[in-house]
Amino acid sequence: MKDIIKKAEILVEALPYIQALNGKTVVIKYGGNAMVNENLKNSVIEDITLLKYIGVNPVIVHGGGPDISHTLKKLNIESEFINGLRKTDFATMEVAQMVLVGKTNKEIVSMINRIGGKAVGICGIDDSMIECEKLTAVSEQGDQIDMGYVGNIVSINPHMLEVLAGGGYIPVVAPIGVDKNGQSYNINADTVAGELASALKAEKLILLTDVEGVKVSWETDKILHALTVDEVKKLIKDNVIVGGMIPKVLSCIKALENGVARTHIIDGRMPHCILLEIFTNKGIGTMIMKEKVLYYENEKL
């Protein structure tokens, strides 16, 4: 009986969050180990499908780096990374588009449909949703680096996503954009998720990662569960937030400055990480906001 009562208490704890998110858009960047481990894949897909059934409008943006690397290796095409981005020549671009749009995207769509959701797979080329231009990287010495067919987002047209969400569908977006001449470009999935969240004025942007969240320091396992933008900037300045976490928090900050209410960096290696983060008071990862605005009177941030 105690276990049953505990389950009821969990549902009651989730109620104000369900009310706050009803009819709202949540953009989820799906990547990392959660796309590799079969149990975690099922867990994430179940979470996202549940969101749709309780009145939330999830939009998935997925990565696919391991799938691309595996296919390139089979084709004897070498991979080169600069500042965390894959340098993309024409042959690599063709493989990236083939894998992301034709394989990874459709696998996610199939998994959602299989458990009773309604998913539609698209990419930035569809309806010219993501218009981009060639991205030029800069080395540590300040020199420009030709990244090939890596895209920098110029504009977002969210109309198709709004139509799909309104029709009861879960959009699954592959991070491929297109320029004015119809040339395809590979784009970082974190960047696409942040820009789509901004364009949709989403309530939440959730980044699934392979880390627990922003820590008090790298010598401890203690997670900072709720931060403001000003606090994040100070943590960067104090070298508490370093390395690969910096682009993630900067993506969150940009989304917040463009109208997204709350952003989350969570550990995709934890089963049902999405539900645990957004429907429990404490959450499991790091939530970043412009300022700490409560969803309900007794919410503890």
C-alpha atoms as a PDB file:
ATOM      1  CA  MET A   1       0.000   0.000   0.000  1.00  0.00           C
ATOM      2  CA  LYS A   2       2.876   2.411   0.805  1.00  0.00           C
ATOM      3  CA  ASP A   3       4.285   1.907  -2.707  1.00  0.00           C
ATOM      4  CA  ILE A   4       0.899   2.674  -4.241  1.00  0.00           C
ATOM      5  CA  ILE A   5       0.544   5.843  -2.156  1.00  0.00           C
ATOM      6  CA  LYS A   6       4.071   6.887  -3.173  1.00  0.00           C
ATOM      7  CA  LYS A   7       3.127   6.556  -6.835  1.00  0.00           C
ATOM      8  CA  ALA A   8       0.072   8.727  -6.234  1.00  0.00           C
ATOM      9  CA  GLU A   9       2.262  11.375  -4.555  1.00  0.00           C
ATOM     10  CA  ILE A  10       4.547  11.424  -7.598  1.00  0.00           C
ATOM     11  CA  LEU A  11       1.563  12.041  -9.889  1.00  0.00           C
ATOM     12  CA  VAL A  12       0.343  14.853  -7.634  1.00  0.00           C
ATOM     13  CA  GLU A  13       3.839  16.406  -7.690  1.00  0.00           C
ATOM     14  CA  ALA A  14       3.702  16.364 -11.495  1.00  0.00           C
ATOM     15  CA  LEU A  15       0.260  18.023 -11.685  1.00  0.00           C
ATOM     16  CA  PRO A  16       1.328  21.729 -11.588  1.00  0.00           C
ATOM     17  CA  TYR A  17       3.971  21.050 -14.238  1.00  0.00           C
ATOM     18  CA  ILE A  18       1.455  19.265 -16.464  1.00  0.00           C
ATOM     19  CA  GLN A  19      -0.859  22.264 -16.065  1.00  0.00           C
ATOM     20  CA  ALA A  20       1.933  24.744 -16.837  1.00  0.00           C
ATOM     21  CA  LEU A  21       3.042  22.858 -19.956  1.00  0.00           C
ATOM     22  CA  ASN A  22      -0.375  22.022 -21.399  1.00  0.00           C
ATOM     23  CA  GLY A  23      -0.501  23.221 -25.001  1.00  0.00           C
ATOM     24  CA  LYS A  24       3.104  24.464 -24.836  1.00  0.00           C
ATOM     25  CA  THR A  25       6.018  23.487 -27.096  1.00  0.00           C
ATOM     26  CA  VAL A  26       9.054  21.628 -25.755  1.00  0.00           C
ATOM     27  CA  VAL A  27      12.069  21.243 -28.063  1.00  0.00           C
ATOM     28  CA  ILE A  28      14.267  18.246 -27.236  1.00  0.00           C
ATOM     29  CA  LYS A  29      17.771  17.770 -28.606  1.00  0.00           C
ATOM     30  CA  TYR A  30      18.195  13.997 -28.725  1.00  0.00           C
ATOM     31  CA  GLY A  31      21.761  12.729 -28.916  1.00  0.00           C
ATOM     32  CA  GLY A  32      24.650  11.122 -27.072  1.00  0.00           C
ATOM     33  CA  ASN A  33      24.460   7.724 -25.414  1.00  0.00           C
ATOM     34  CA  ALA A  34      20.659   7.905 -25.322  1.00  0.00           C
ATOM     35  CA  MET A  35      20.742   7.283 -29.087  1.00  0.00           C
ATOM     36  CA  VAL A  36      23.049   4.274 -28.808  1.00  0.00           C
ATOM     37  CA  ASN A  37      21.856   2.182 -25.847  1.00  0.00           C
ATOM     38  CA  GLU A  38      18.651   0.296 -26.734  1.00  0.00           C
ATOM     39  CA  ASN A  39      17.090   0.571 -23.261  1.00  0.00           C
ATOM     40  CA  LEU A  40      17.777   4.298 -23.118  1.00  0.00           C
ATOM     41  CA  LYS A  41      16.411   4.766 -26.639  1.00  0.00           C
ATOM     42  CA  ASN A  42      13.140   3.143 -25.606  1.00  0.00           C
ATOM     43  CA  SER A  43      13.019   5.218 -22.421  1.00  0.00           C
ATOM     44  CA  VAL A  44      13.455   8.542 -24.268  1.00  0.00           C
ATOM     45  CA  ILE A  45      10.871   7.629 -26.911  1.00  0.00           C
ATOM     46  CA  GLU A  46       8.367   6.620 -24.209  1.00  0.00           C
ATOM     47  CA  ASP A  47       8.909   9.940 -22.395  1.00  0.00           C
ATOM     48  CA  ILE A  48       8.374  11.978 -25.553  1.00  0.00           C
ATOM     49  CA  THR A  49       5.271  10.029 -26.594  1.00  0.00           C
ATOM     50  CA  LEU A  50       3.798  10.489 -23.114  1.00  0.00           C
ATOM     51  CA  LEU A  51       4.358  14.253 -23.357  1.00  0.00           C
ATOM     52  CA  LYS A  52       2.200  14.376 -26.483  1.00  0.00           C
ATOM     53  CA  TYR A  53      -0.578  12.348 -24.874  1.00  0.00           C
ATOM     54  CA  ILE A  54      -0.837  14.711 -21.874  1.00  0.00           C
ATOM     55  CA  GLY A  55      -1.114  17.845 -23.996  1.00  0.00           C
ATOM     56  CA  VAL A  56       2.496  18.961 -24.520  1.00  0.00           C
ATOM     57  CA  ASN A  57       3.847  19.547 -28.055  1.00  0.00           C
ATOM     58  CA  PRO A  58       7.314  17.957 -28.265  1.00  0.00           C
ATOM     59  CA  VAL A  59       9.650  18.679 -31.186  1.00  0.00           C
ATOM     60  CA  ILE A  60      12.685  16.405 -31.519  1.00  0.00           C
ATOM     61  CA  VAL A  61      15.977  17.512 -33.050  1.00  0.00           C
ATOM     62  CA  HIS A  62      18.389  14.605 -33.322  1.00  0.00           C
ATOM     63  CA  GLY A  63      22.087  14.189 -33.870  1.00  0.00           C
ATOM     64  CA  GLY A  64      23.679  11.184 -35.479  1.00  0.00           C
ATOM     65  CA  GLY A  65      27.445  11.572 -35.313  1.00  0.00           C
ATOM     66  CA  PRO A  66      28.239   7.913 -34.502  1.00  0.00           C
ATOM     67  CA  ASP A  67      26.055   6.679 -37.399  1.00  0.00           C
ATOM     68  CA  ILE A  68      27.769   9.103 -39.788  1.00  0.00           C
ATOM     69  CA  SER A  69      31.253   8.137 -38.579  1.00  0.00           C
ATOM     70  CA  HIS A  70      30.440   4.416 -38.929  1.00  0.00           C
ATOM     71  CA  THR A  71      29.188   4.854 -42.496  1.00  0.00           C
ATOM     72  CA  LEU A  72      32.143   7.050 -43.497  1.00  0.00           C
ATOM     73  CA  LYS A  73      34.531   4.428 -42.149  1.00  0.00           C
ATOM     74  CA  LYS A  74      32.832   1.721 -44.215  1.00  0.00           C
ATOM     75  CA  LEU A  75      33.262   3.931 -47.291  1.00  0.00           C
ATOM     76  CA  ASN A  76      36.931   4.669 -46.419  1.00  0.00           C
ATOM     77  CA  ILE A  77      36.229   8.397 -46.014  1.00  0.00           C
ATOM     78  CA  GLU A  78      38.254   9.972 -43.226  1.00  0.00           C
ATOM     79  CA  SER A  79      36.633  12.219 -40.594  1.00  0.00           C
ATOM     80  CA  GLU A  80      38.215  15.438 -39.374  1.00  0.00           C
ATOM     81  CA  PHE A  81      36.897  17.528 -36.488  1.00  0.00           C
ATOM     82  CA  ILE A  82      37.655  21.200 -35.829  1.00  0.00           C
ATOM     83  CA  ASN A  83      36.308  22.908 -32.694  1.00  0.00           C
ATOM     84  CA  GLY A  84      33.992  19.949 -32.193  1.00  0.00           C
ATOM     85  CA  LEU A  85      32.464  20.236 -35.685  1.00  0.00           C
ATOM     86  CA  ARG A  86      32.918  17.703 -38.471  1.00  0.00           C
ATOM     87  CA  LYS A  87      34.758  19.182 -41.454  1.00  0.00           C
ATOM     88  CA  THR A  88      32.437  18.281 -44.310  1.00  0.00           C
ATOM     89  CA  ASP A  89      33.577  17.958 -47.910  1.00  0.00           C
ATOM     90  CA  PHE A  90      31.093  17.101 -50.680  1.00  0.00           C
ATOM     91  CA  ALA A  91      31.396  13.309 -50.237  1.00  0.00           C
ATOM     92  CA  THR A  92      30.989  13.602 -46.454  1.00  0.00           C
ATOM     93  CA  MET A  93      27.968  15.877 -46.913  1.00  0.00           C
ATOM     94  CA  GLU A  94      26.271  13.316 -49.124  1.00  0.00           C
ATOM     95  CA  VAL A  95      26.853  10.618 -46.498  1.00  0.00           C
ATOM     96  CA  ALA A  96      25.708  12.880 -43.622  1.00  0.00           C
ATOM     97  CA  GLN A  97      22.472  13.728 -45.399  1.00  0.00           C
ATOM     98  CA  MET A  98      21.839  10.120 -46.379  1.00  0.00           C
ATOM     99  CA  VAL A  99      22.425   8.847 -42.822  1.00  0.00           C
ATOM    100  CA  LEU A 100      20.688  11.625 -40.867  1.00  0.00           C
ATOM    101  CA  VAL A 101      17.609  11.957 -43.085  1.00  0.00           C
ATOM    102  CA  GLY A 102      17.309   8.441 -44.479  1.00  0.00           C
ATOM    103  CA  LYS A 103      18.397   6.277 -41.546  1.00  0.00           C
ATOM    104  CA  THR A 104      18.601   7.920 -38.124  1.00  0.00           C
ATOM    105  CA  ASN A 105      15.537  10.111 -38.591  1.00  0.00           C
ATOM    106  CA  LYS A 106      13.335   7.276 -39.808  1.00  0.00           C
ATOM    107  CA  GLU A 107      14.439   4.950 -37.019  1.00  0.00           C
ATOM    108  CA  ILE A 108      13.253   7.495 -34.427  1.00  0.00           C
ATOM    109  CA  VAL A 109       9.974   8.023 -36.288  1.00  0.00           C
ATOM    110  CA  SER A 110       9.415   4.265 -36.450  1.00  0.00           C
ATOM    111  CA  MET A 111      10.029   3.817 -32.718  1.00  0.00           C
ATOM    112  CA  ILE A 112       7.499   6.527 -31.821  1.00  0.00           C
ATOM    113  CA  ASN A 113       4.873   5.155 -34.194  1.00  0.00           C
ATOM    114  CA  ARG A 114       5.430   1.639 -32.884  1.00  0.00           C
ATOM    115  CA  ILE A 115       4.395   2.564 -29.330  1.00  0.00           C
ATOM    116  CA  GLY A 116       1.316   4.518 -30.358  1.00  0.00           C
ATOM    117  CA  GLY A 117       2.617   8.006 -31.105  1.00  0.00           C
ATOM    118  CA  LYS A 118       2.268   9.817 -34.438  1.00  0.00           C
ATOM    119  CA  ALA A 119       5.633  11.037 -35.682  1.00  0.00           C
ATOM    120  CA  VAL A 120       6.713  12.647 -38.959  1.00  0.00           C
ATOM    121  CA  GLY A 121      10.361  12.893 -39.967  1.00  0.00           C
ATOM    122  CA  ILE A 122      11.590  16.043 -41.723  1.00  0.00           C
ATOM    123  CA  CYS A 123      14.761  18.077 -42.161  1.00  0.00           C
ATOM    124  CA  GLY A 124      15.561  21.731 -42.722  1.00  0.00           C
ATOM    125  CA  ILE A 125      15.244  21.348 -46.494  1.00  0.00           C
ATOM    126  CA  ASP A 126      11.500  20.646 -46.212  1.00  0.00           C
ATOM    127  CA  ASP A 127       9.519  23.856 -46.794  1.00  0.00           C
ATOM    128  CA  SER A 128      12.918  25.640 -46.629  1.00  0.00           C
ATOM    129  CA  MET A 129      12.523  25.400 -42.864  1.00  0.00           C
ATOM    130  CA  ILE A 130      16.200  26.037 -42.038  1.00  0.00           C
ATOM    131  CA  GLU A 131      17.939  28.504 -44.340  1.00  0.00           C
ATOM    132  CA  CYS A 132      21.670  28.589 -43.815  1.00  0.00           C
ATOM    133  CA  GLU A 133      24.948  29.800 -45.244  1.00  0.00           C
ATOM    134  CA  LYS A 134      28.443  28.400 -45.249  1.00  0.00           C
ATOM    135  CA  LEU A 135      30.047  28.446 -41.801  1.00  0.00           C
ATOM    136  CA  THR A 136      33.646  29.599 -41.509  1.00  0.00           C
ATOM    137  CA  ALA A 137      35.453  28.470 -38.369  1.00  0.00           C
ATOM    138  CA  VAL A 138      38.280  30.410 -36.717  1.00  0.00           C
ATOM    139  CA  SER A 139      41.422  28.756 -35.359  1.00  0.00           C
ATOM    140  CA  GLU A 140      43.008  29.589 -31.997  1.00  0.00           C
ATOM    141  CA  GLN A 141      45.472  31.747 -33.936  1.00  0.00           C
ATOM    142  CA  GLY A 142      42.605  33.704 -35.505  1.00  0.00           C
ATOM    143  CA  ASP A 143      42.921  32.154 -38.959  1.00  0.00           C
ATOM    144  CA  GLN A 144      39.786  31.309 -40.953  1.00  0.00           C
ATOM    145  CA  ILE A 145      39.186  27.599 -41.593  1.00  0.00           C
ATOM    146  CA  ASP A 146      37.111  26.317 -44.492  1.00  0.00           C
ATOM    147  CA  MET A 147      34.696  23.801 -42.903  1.00  0.00           C
ATOM    148  CA  GLY A 148      33.209  22.715 -46.220  1.00  0.00           C
ATOM    149  CA  TYR A 149      29.470  22.052 -46.141  1.00  0.00           C
ATOM    150  CA  VAL A 150      28.885  22.987 -42.504  1.00  0.00           C
ATOM    151  CA  GLY A 151      26.031  25.453 -42.161  1.00  0.00           C
ATOM    152  CA  ASN A 152      25.450  28.602 -40.167  1.00  0.00           C
ATOM    153  CA  ILE A 153      21.728  29.270 -39.634  1.00  0.00           C
ATOM    154  CA  VAL A 154      20.411  32.448 -41.268  1.00  0.00           C
ATOM    155  CA  SER A 155      16.679  32.059 -40.641  1.00  0.00           C
ATOM    156  CA  ILE A 156      14.050  29.600 -39.419  1.00  0.00           C
ATOM    157  CA  ASN A 157      10.583  29.106 -40.924  1.00  0.00           C
ATOM    158  CA  PRO A 158       8.647  27.179 -38.222  1.00  0.00           C
ATOM    159  CA  HIS A 159       5.338  26.962 -40.152  1.00  0.00           C
ATOM    160  CA  MET A 160       5.592  23.239 -40.931  1.00  0.00           C
ATOM    161  CA  LEU A 161       6.381  22.388 -37.298  1.00  0.00           C
ATOM    162  CA  GLU A 162       3.339  24.340 -36.133  1.00  0.00           C
ATOM    163  CA  VAL A 163       1.109  22.587 -38.669  1.00  0.00           C
ATOM    164  CA  LEU A 164       2.367  19.146 -37.656  1.00  0.00           C
ATOM    165  CA  ALA A 165       2.029  19.841 -33.925  1.00  0.00           C
ATOM    166  CA  GLY A 166      -1.488  21.181 -34.454  1.00  0.00           C
ATOM    167  CA  GLY A 167      -2.387  17.983 -36.304  1.00  0.00           C
ATOM    168  CA  GLY A 168      -1.349  15.788 -33.390  1.00  0.00           C
ATOM    169  CA  TYR A 169       2.041  14.806 -34.807  1.00  0.00           C
ATOM    170  CA  ILE A 170       5.481  14.762 -33.192  1.00  0.00           C
ATOM    171  CA  PRO A 171       7.970  16.373 -35.606  1.00  0.00           C
ATOM    172  CA  VAL A 172      11.384  14.681 -35.755  1.00  0.00           C
ATOM    173  CA  VAL A 173      13.945  17.035 -37.301  1.00  0.00           C
ATOM    174  CA  ALA A 174      17.271  16.051 -38.882  1.00  0.00           C
ATOM    175  CA  PRO A 175      19.833  18.906 -38.645  1.00  0.00           C
ATOM    176  CA  ILE A 176      20.292  19.513 -42.363  1.00  0.00           C
ATOM    177  CA  GLY A 177      19.754  23.018 -43.738  1.00  0.00           C
ATOM    178  CA  VAL A 178      19.714  24.541 -47.197  1.00  0.00           C
ATOM    179  CA  ASP A 179      21.048  27.772 -48.702  1.00  0.00           C
ATOM    180  CA  LYS A 180      19.344  30.056 -51.241  1.00  0.00           C
ATOM    181  CA  ASN A 181      20.846  28.029 -54.096  1.00  0.00           C
ATOM    182  CA  GLY A 182      19.441  24.731 -52.830  1.00  0.00           C
ATOM    183  CA  GLN A 183      22.767  23.425 -51.492  1.00  0.00           C
ATOM    184  CA  SER A 184      22.462  21.229 -48.391  1.00  0.00           C
ATOM    185  CA  TYR A 185      24.569  21.808 -45.270  1.00  0.00           C
ATOM    186  CA  ASN A 186      25.213  19.814 -42.126  1.00  0.00           C
ATOM    187  CA  ILE A 187      24.454  21.815 -38.949  1.00  0.00           C
ATOM    188  CA  ASN A 188      25.271  21.158 -35.299  1.00  0.00           C
ATOM    189  CA  ALA A 189      22.162  19.621 -33.684  1.00  0.00           C
ATOM    190  CA  ASP A 190      22.486  21.669 -30.460  1.00  0.00           C
ATOM    191  CA  THR A 191      22.440  24.826 -32.573  1.00  0.00           C
ATOM    192  CA  VAL A 192      19.403  23.697 -34.568  1.00  0.00           C
ATOM    193  CA  ALA A 193      17.498  22.814 -31.391  1.00  0.00           C
ATOM    194  CA  GLY A 194      18.199  26.210 -29.855  1.00  0.00           C
ATOM    195  CA  GLU A 195      17.220  28.118 -32.992  1.00  0.00           C
ATOM    196  CA  LEU A 196      14.012  26.107 -33.469  1.00  0.00           C
ATOM    197  CA  ALA A 197      13.071  26.630 -29.820  1.00  0.00           C
ATOM    198  CA  SER A 198      13.569  30.372 -30.301  1.00  0.00           C
ATOM    199  CA  ALA A 199      11.521  30.480 -33.520  1.00  0.00           C
ATOM    200  CA  LEU A 200       8.687  28.486 -31.930  1.00  0.00           C
ATOM    201  CA  LYS A 201       8.820  30.554 -28.707  1.00  0.00           C
ATOM    202  CA  ALA A 202       8.998  27.195 -26.939  1.00  0.00           C
ATOM    203  CA  GLU A 203       8.331  26.900 -23.232  1.00  0.00           C
ATOM    204  CA  LYS A 204      11.343  24.615 -22.834  1.00  0.00           C
ATOM    205  CA  LEU A 205      14.550  23.622 -24.593  1.00  0.00           C
ATOM    206  CA  ILE A 206      15.978  20.329 -23.329  1.00  0.00           C
ATOM    207  CA  LEU A 207      19.484  19.179 -24.276  1.00  0.00           C
ATOM    208  CA  LEU A 208      20.157  15.473 -23.678  1.00  0.00           C
ATOM    209  CA  THR A 209      23.861  15.006 -22.994  1.00  0.00           C
ATOM    210  CA  ASP A 210      26.292  12.466 -21.571  1.00  0.00           C
ATOM    211  CA  VAL A 211      26.932  14.523 -18.416  1.00  0.00           C
ATOM    212  CA  GLU A 212      24.793  15.049 -15.321  1.00  0.00           C
ATOM    213  CA  GLY A 213      24.536  18.828 -15.713  1.00  0.00           C
ATOM    214  CA  VAL A 214      26.469  21.871 -14.523  1.00  0.00           C
ATOM    215  CA  LYS A 215      28.467  20.947 -11.421  1.00  0.00           C
ATOM    216  CA  VAL A 216      29.562  23.108  -8.500  1.00  0.00           C
ATOM    217  CA  SER A 217      33.114  22.206  -9.565  1.00  0.00           C
ATOM    218  CA  TRP A 218      34.729  19.438 -11.581  1.00  0.00           C
ATOM    219  CA  GLU A 219      36.072  17.934  -8.329  1.00  0.00           C
ATOM    220  CA  THR A 220      32.570  17.150  -7.047  1.00  0.00           C
ATOM    221  CA  ASP A 221      29.464  15.321  -8.217  1.00  0.00           C
ATOM    222  CA  LYS A 222      27.131  17.991  -6.808  1.00  0.00           C
ATOM    223  CA  ILE A 223      24.847  19.408  -9.496  1.00  0.00           C
ATOM    224  CA  LEU A 224      23.596  22.977  -9.689  1.00  0.00           C
ATOM    225  CA  HIS A 225      19.912  22.346 -10.355  1.00  0.00           C
ATOM    226  CA  ALA A 226      18.682  25.891 -11.126  1.00  0.00           C
ATOM    227  CA  LEU A 227      20.706  28.808 -12.503  1.00  0.00           C
ATOM    228  CA  THR A 228      19.994  32.237 -13.936  1.00  0.00           C
ATOM    229  CA  VAL A 229      21.762  33.585 -17.012  1.00  0.00           C
ATOM    230  CA  ASP A 230      23.817  35.954 -14.837  1.00  0.00           C
ATOM    231  CA  GLU A 231      24.913  33.054 -12.626  1.00  0.00           C
ATOM    232  CA  VAL A 232      25.941  31.018 -15.684  1.00  0.00           C
ATOM    233  CA  LYS A 233      28.034  33.897 -17.058  1.00  0.00           C
ATOM    234  CA  LYS A 234      29.796  34.207 -13.708  1.00  0.00           C
ATOM    235  CA  LEU A 235      30.498  30.456 -13.634  1.00  0.00           C
ATOM    236  CA  ILE A 236      32.083  30.713 -17.100  1.00  0.00           C
ATOM    237  CA  LYS A 237      34.173  33.681 -15.973  1.00  0.00           C
ATOM    238  CA  ASP A 238      35.280  31.756 -12.852  1.00  0.00           C
ATOM    239  CA  ASN A 239      36.241  28.697 -14.987  1.00  0.00           C
ATOM    240  CA  VAL A 240      33.638  26.492 -13.299  1.00  0.00           C
ATOM    241  CA  ILE A 241      31.875  25.935 -16.620  1.00  0.00           C
ATOM    242  CA  VAL A 242      34.557  24.865 -19.097  1.00  0.00           C
ATOM    243  CA  GLY A 243      35.167  22.788 -22.226  1.00  0.00           C
ATOM    244  CA  GLY A 244      32.222  21.187 -24.001  1.00  0.00           C
ATOM    245  CA  MET A 245      29.718  22.538 -21.477  1.00  0.00           C
ATOM    246  CA  ILE A 246      30.319  26.128 -22.636  1.00  0.00           C
ATOM    247  CA  PRO A 247      28.609  25.831 -26.071  1.00  0.00           C
ATOM    248  CA  LYS A 248      25.685  24.032 -24.428  1.00  0.00           C
ATOM    249  CA  VAL A 249      25.033  26.766 -21.857  1.00  0.00           C
ATOM    250  CA  LEU A 250      25.560  29.470 -24.496  1.00  0.00           C
ATOM    251  CA  SER A 251      22.929  27.762 -26.663  1.00  0.00           C
ATOM    252  CA  CYS A 252      20.593  27.852 -23.655  1.00  0.00           C
ATOM    253  CA  ILE A 253      21.312  31.539 -23.013  1.00  0.00           C
ATOM    254  CA  LYS A 254      20.627  32.476 -26.641  1.00  0.00           C
ATOM    255  CA  ALA A 255      17.309  30.586 -26.553  1.00  0.00           C
ATOM    256  CA  LEU A 256      16.302  32.353 -23.325  1.00  0.00           C
ATOM    257  CA  GLU A 257      17.148  35.739 -24.815  1.00  0.00           C
ATOM    258  CA  ASN A 258      14.871  34.876 -27.762  1.00  0.00           C
ATOM    259  CA  GLY A 259      11.795  34.051 -25.704  1.00  0.00           C
ATOM    260  CA  VAL A 260      12.218  30.471 -24.439  1.00  0.00           C
ATOM    261  CA  ALA A 261      11.067  30.304 -20.802  1.00  0.00           C
ATOM    262  CA  ARG A 262      13.234  27.514 -19.373  1.00  0.00           C
ATOM    263  CA  THR A 263      16.184  25.514 -20.690  1.00  0.00           C
ATOM    264  CA  HIS A 264      17.557  22.232 -19.367  1.00  0.00           C
ATOM    265  CA  ILE A 265      20.819  20.312 -19.662  1.00  0.00           C
ATOM    266  CA  ILE A 266      20.189  16.745 -18.520  1.00  0.00           C
ATOM    267  CA  ASP A 267      21.854  13.351 -18.441  1.00  0.00           C
ATOM    268  CA  GLY A 268      20.433  11.233 -21.270  1.00  0.00           C
ATOM    269  CA  ARG A 269      22.070   8.160 -19.738  1.00  0.00           C
ATOM    270  CA  MET A 270      19.438   8.103 -16.980  1.00  0.00           C
ATOM    271  CA  PRO A 271      16.225   6.186 -17.776  1.00  0.00           C
ATOM    272  CA  HIS A 272      13.179   8.464 -18.172  1.00  0.00           C
ATOM    273  CA  CYS A 273      15.409  11.519 -17.777  1.00  0.00           C
ATOM    274  CA  ILE A 274      12.934  13.856 -19.507  1.00  0.00           C
ATOM    275  CA  LEU A 275      10.029  13.036 -17.194  1.00  0.00           C
ATOM    276  CA  LEU A 276      12.240  13.190 -14.110  1.00  0.00           C
ATOM    277  CA  GLU A 277      13.548  16.619 -15.078  1.00  0.00           C
ATOM    278  CA  ILE A 278      10.376  18.435 -16.050  1.00  0.00           C
ATOM    279  CA  PHE A 279       7.747  16.792 -13.837  1.00  0.00           C
ATOM    280  CA  THR A 280       9.554  16.668 -10.482  1.00  0.00           C
ATOM    281  CA  ASN A 281      10.326  19.592  -8.215  1.00  0.00           C
ATOM    282  CA  LYS A 282      14.079  19.127  -7.976  1.00  0.00           C
ATOM    283  CA  GLY A 283      14.748  17.557 -11.353  1.00  0.00           C
ATOM    284  CA  ILE A 284      17.888  15.637 -12.241  1.00  0.00           C
ATOM    285  CA  GLY A 285      19.951  18.080 -14.312  1.00  0.00           C
ATOM    286  CA  THR A 286      20.549  21.814 -14.603  1.00  0.00           C
ATOM    287  CA  MET A 287      17.752  24.243 -15.447  1.00  0.00           C
ATOM    288  CA  ILE A 288      18.786  27.675 -16.750  1.00  0.00           C
ATOM    289  CA  MET A 289      16.381  30.646 -16.771  1.00  0.00           C
ATOM    290  CA  LYS A 290      16.616  34.363 -17.403  1.00  0.00           C
ATOM    291  CA  GLU A 291      15.422  34.835 -13.857  1.00  0.00           C
ATOM    292  CA  LYS A 292      13.857  32.455 -11.352  1.00  0.00           C
ATOM    293  CA  VAL A 293      10.135  32.690 -12.111  1.00  0.00           C
ATOM    294  CA  LEU A 294       8.016  30.046 -10.371  1.00  0.00           C
ATOM    295  CA  TYR A 295       5.447  27.851 -12.115  1.00  0.00           C
ATOM    296  CA  TYR A 296       3.433  27.669  -8.892  1.00  0.00           C
ATOM    297  CA  GLU A 297       3.578  29.206  -5.431  1.00  0.00           C
ATOM    298  CA  ASN A 298       5.403  26.416  -3.595  1.00  0.00           C
ATOM    299  CA  GLU A 299       7.831  25.446  -6.360  1.00  0.00           C
ATOM    300  CA  LYS A 300      11.362  25.113  -4.961  1.00  0.00           C
ATOM    301  CA  LEU A 301      14.151  26.237  -7.290  1.00  0.00           C
END
